[in-house]
Amino acid sequence: MARILALDYGTKRTGVAVTDELQIIASGLTTVPTEDLMNFLKEYLTAEKVELVLVGEPKQRDGNHSQVEEHIQKFLEVYANEFPNVPVERVDERFTSKMAFQTMIDSGLKKKQRQNKALVDEISATIILQDYLNRK
């Protein structure tokens, strides 16, 4: 089997999580400056077998898309041209940042560590991926 990769796309940073090859466990991989995301994906998808990329779909409480969706759509166009053989699936990511922050509190991270936005993004990507695996 191949891995599943999840992206918590942001205008500044993108959190990245990945499954093991058996697609059982979701693990945080890294946080990448969004401007470097395509280069990161080229390297990663060349080195690892990935069968699916999940991209968070940011929605507001009322179900409308948030402002970052416009940026995500541009990214998805470039991605589709660059990696036509690795499909993308969108996943609702509402409340993942709040859940990530609560996870940091629950795991005993100090206040200074919880202010690390890159870590929040990575944990959010992991939550997106684990939710997907739980539903699958």
Protein backbone atom coordinates (compact mmCIF):
# COMPACT_ATOMS: atom_id res chain seq x y z
CA MET A 1 0.00 0.00 0.00
CA ALA A 2 0.98 3.61 -0.40
CA ARG A 3 0.76 6.43 2.08
CA ILE A 4 -1.88 9.12 2.39
CA LEU A 5 -0.63 12.68 2.83
CA ALA A 6 -2.70 15.45 4.44
CA LEU A 7 -2.20 19.19 4.07
CA ASP A 8 -3.50 21.92 6.35
CA TYR A 9 -2.97 24.66 3.76
CA GLY A 10 -2.39 28.20 4.95
CA THR A 11 -1.25 31.36 3.22
CA LYS A 12 2.00 31.42 5.24
CA ARG A 13 2.54 27.83 6.38
CA THR A 14 1.17 24.41 5.49
CA GLY A 15 1.03 21.62 8.02
CA VAL A 16 1.81 18.17 6.64
CA ALA A 17 0.85 14.77 8.05
CA VAL A 18 1.25 11.29 6.62
CA THR A 19 0.11 7.75 7.26
CA ASP A 20 2.28 4.70 7.60
CA GLU A 21 2.37 2.42 4.54
CA LEU A 22 -0.52 0.34 5.93
CA GLN A 23 -2.63 3.48 6.37
CA ILE A 24 -3.31 2.79 10.03
CA ILE A 25 -1.63 5.65 11.89
CA ALA A 26 -1.55 9.37 11.09
CA SER A 27 1.62 11.18 12.12
CA GLY A 28 2.67 14.79 11.87
CA LEU A 29 5.46 15.14 9.33
CA THR A 30 6.43 18.81 9.20
CA THR A 31 5.31 22.34 8.54
CA VAL A 32 6.45 23.90 5.27
CA PRO A 33 6.43 27.56 4.26
CA THR A 34 3.58 27.62 1.73
CA GLU A 35 5.79 29.26 -0.88
CA ASP A 36 8.01 26.14 -0.72
CA LEU A 37 5.14 23.62 -0.72
CA MET A 38 5.36 22.53 -4.37
CA ASN A 39 9.11 21.89 -4.06
CA PHE A 40 8.51 19.90 -0.88
CA LEU A 41 5.80 17.83 -2.60
CA LYS A 42 8.04 17.15 -5.62
CA GLU A 43 10.74 15.77 -3.35
CA TYR A 44 8.37 13.84 -1.10
CA LEU A 45 6.24 12.31 -3.85
CA THR A 46 9.40 11.25 -5.67
CA ALA A 47 10.81 9.56 -2.57
CA GLU A 48 7.62 7.98 -1.18
CA LYS A 49 4.62 6.15 -2.62
CA VAL A 50 1.56 8.31 -1.98
CA GLU A 51 -1.85 7.24 -3.29
CA LEU A 52 -3.91 10.19 -2.09
CA VAL A 53 -3.44 13.75 -0.87
CA LEU A 54 -6.02 15.21 1.46
CA VAL A 55 -6.37 18.98 1.48
CA GLY A 56 -8.30 20.66 4.24
CA GLU A 57 -11.40 22.55 3.18
CA PRO A 58 -11.70 25.57 5.48
CA LYS A 59 -15.29 26.53 6.12
CA GLN A 60 -16.89 29.01 8.43
CA ARG A 61 -19.52 27.97 10.94
CA ASP A 62 -22.29 28.77 8.46
CA GLY A 63 -20.77 26.41 5.88
CA ASN A 64 -19.37 29.10 3.58
CA HIS A 65 -15.74 28.89 2.49
CA SER A 66 -13.19 30.98 4.34
CA GLN A 67 -10.96 33.51 2.60
CA VAL A 68 -8.05 31.09 2.19
CA GLU A 69 -10.13 28.91 -0.18
CA GLU A 70 -9.20 31.16 -3.12
CA HIS A 71 -5.51 30.44 -2.48
CA ILE A 72 -6.21 26.73 -2.11
CA GLN A 73 -7.98 26.64 -5.48
CA LYS A 74 -4.92 28.19 -7.17
CA PHE A 75 -2.68 25.64 -5.44
CA LEU A 76 -4.94 22.78 -6.55
CA GLU A 77 -4.70 23.89 -10.19
CA VAL A 78 -0.90 23.88 -10.06
CA TYR A 79 -0.92 20.57 -8.15
CA ALA A 80 -3.19 18.88 -10.73
CA ASN A 81 -0.82 19.85 -13.53
CA GLU A 82 2.27 18.77 -11.61
CA PHE A 83 0.94 15.50 -10.11
CA PRO A 84 -1.90 14.22 -12.31
CA ASN A 85 -1.51 10.64 -11.01
CA VAL A 86 -1.90 11.44 -7.31
CA PRO A 87 -5.53 12.38 -6.63
CA VAL A 88 -6.68 15.02 -4.16
CA GLU A 89 -9.64 14.74 -1.85
CA ARG A 90 -10.99 17.68 0.10
CA VAL A 91 -11.80 17.24 3.79
CA ASP A 92 -13.74 19.59 6.06
CA GLU A 93 -11.24 21.08 8.48
CA ARG A 94 -13.54 23.14 10.69
CA PHE A 95 -12.29 23.38 14.27
CA THR A 96 -9.05 21.46 13.63
CA SER A 97 -6.92 24.40 14.82
CA LYS A 98 -8.90 24.56 18.06
CA MET A 99 -8.63 20.79 18.45
CA ALA A 100 -4.87 20.99 17.79
CA PHE A 101 -4.47 23.67 20.44
CA GLN A 102 -6.46 21.58 22.93
CA THR A 103 -4.28 18.57 22.08
CA MET A 104 -1.21 20.65 22.92
CA ILE A 105 -2.71 21.62 26.28
CA ASP A 106 -3.76 18.04 27.02
CA SER A 107 -0.27 16.76 26.24
CA GLY A 108 1.25 19.15 28.77
CA LEU A 109 3.04 21.57 26.45
CA LYS A 110 4.04 24.80 28.12
CA LYS A 111 2.45 28.09 27.05
CA LYS A 112 5.52 29.12 25.04
CA GLN A 113 5.47 25.81 23.12
CA ARG A 114 1.73 26.22 22.43
CA GLN A 115 2.44 29.56 20.72
CA ASN A 116 4.37 27.71 17.99
CA LYS A 117 1.96 28.17 15.07
CA ALA A 118 3.93 25.74 12.90
CA LEU A 119 3.28 23.00 15.45
CA VAL A 120 -0.43 23.87 15.51
CA ASP A 121 -0.53 23.53 11.69
CA GLU A 122 1.24 20.16 11.79
CA ILE A 123 -1.11 18.85 14.48
CA SER A 124 -4.11 20.16 12.51
CA ALA A 125 -2.96 18.21 9.45
CA THR A 126 -2.63 15.13 11.63
CA ILE A 127 -6.18 15.59 12.94
CA ILE A 128 -7.50 15.98 9.38
CA LEU A 129 -5.77 12.76 8.39
CA GLN A 130 -6.79 10.77 11.47
CA ASP A 131 -10.42 11.84 11.03
CA TYR A 132 -10.26 10.62 7.43
CA LEU A 133 -8.80 7.27 8.51
CA ASN A 134 -11.46 6.87 11.21
CA ARG A 135 -14.24 7.38 8.68
CA LYS A 136 -12.64 5.08 6.08
